[in-house]
Amino acid sequence: MFTLKLLSVLFALSCCDHAASEVCRWTKFQMRQLNDLSILKLSDMGGHFPVECLGKEKVARLFPENLYNSIRTEDVTVVALKTFEHVAQIFSNNLNSVSWDTDKLKLFTNYIYRQIKKLNGCVGKTGASPAPGEGVSEVSASLQTLFDQLSGILNEKKNNACAWETVRREVRYNLLSFKKFIESHE
């Protein structure tokens, strides 16, 4: 009887472990695909950067190309979660002034929220967390600063269409940099 109970407990634990590894396996294979789809929808939903915005908005890149360089392989999930949470937060602002394709915008935000949901599950099941004083906390602070700057642009320009185009361009650039980061850790 004791052996049967022990086997039941061991089986239940192995199922939980398998479920946790399945969620985290998702990050290795599906995160890249959803990130690619996010980049595509972000590009397609508004087309090229409008000519009328070139003189009005800051054109210099805010996101440094080497932002993700200090991150170790085991921290990919945590950094991905932080990145997509910032993207979701900025796109939860007032979008009334934009003339983007609303279906593509909805798909874009859906891809971002799906990634957040899966990454939250992975981080929660594995107990992954950033190591103090290492690459993740530096990148998290940099991401916070950069997305704060984007929010500042939106606030300063009262969420006008050109400010949103700048945000869209910068977020796309960030996701492209993140894509390179993911590919370098596969």
Foldseek 3Di string as FASTA:
>chain_A
DVVVVVVVVVVVVVVLVVVLVVLVVCCLPPVLVLLVLLLVLLCQFAPDQDPVLPVPDDPDAPDDLCLQVFDDLLCLLVLLLLLLVLVLVVVVDDQVQAPTDVVSVVSNSVSSVVSNVSSVSNCVSVVDDDDPPGSSVSSSVSSVVSSVVLVVLCVVVVNHHSSVSVVSVNSSSVSVSSSVVSVVSD
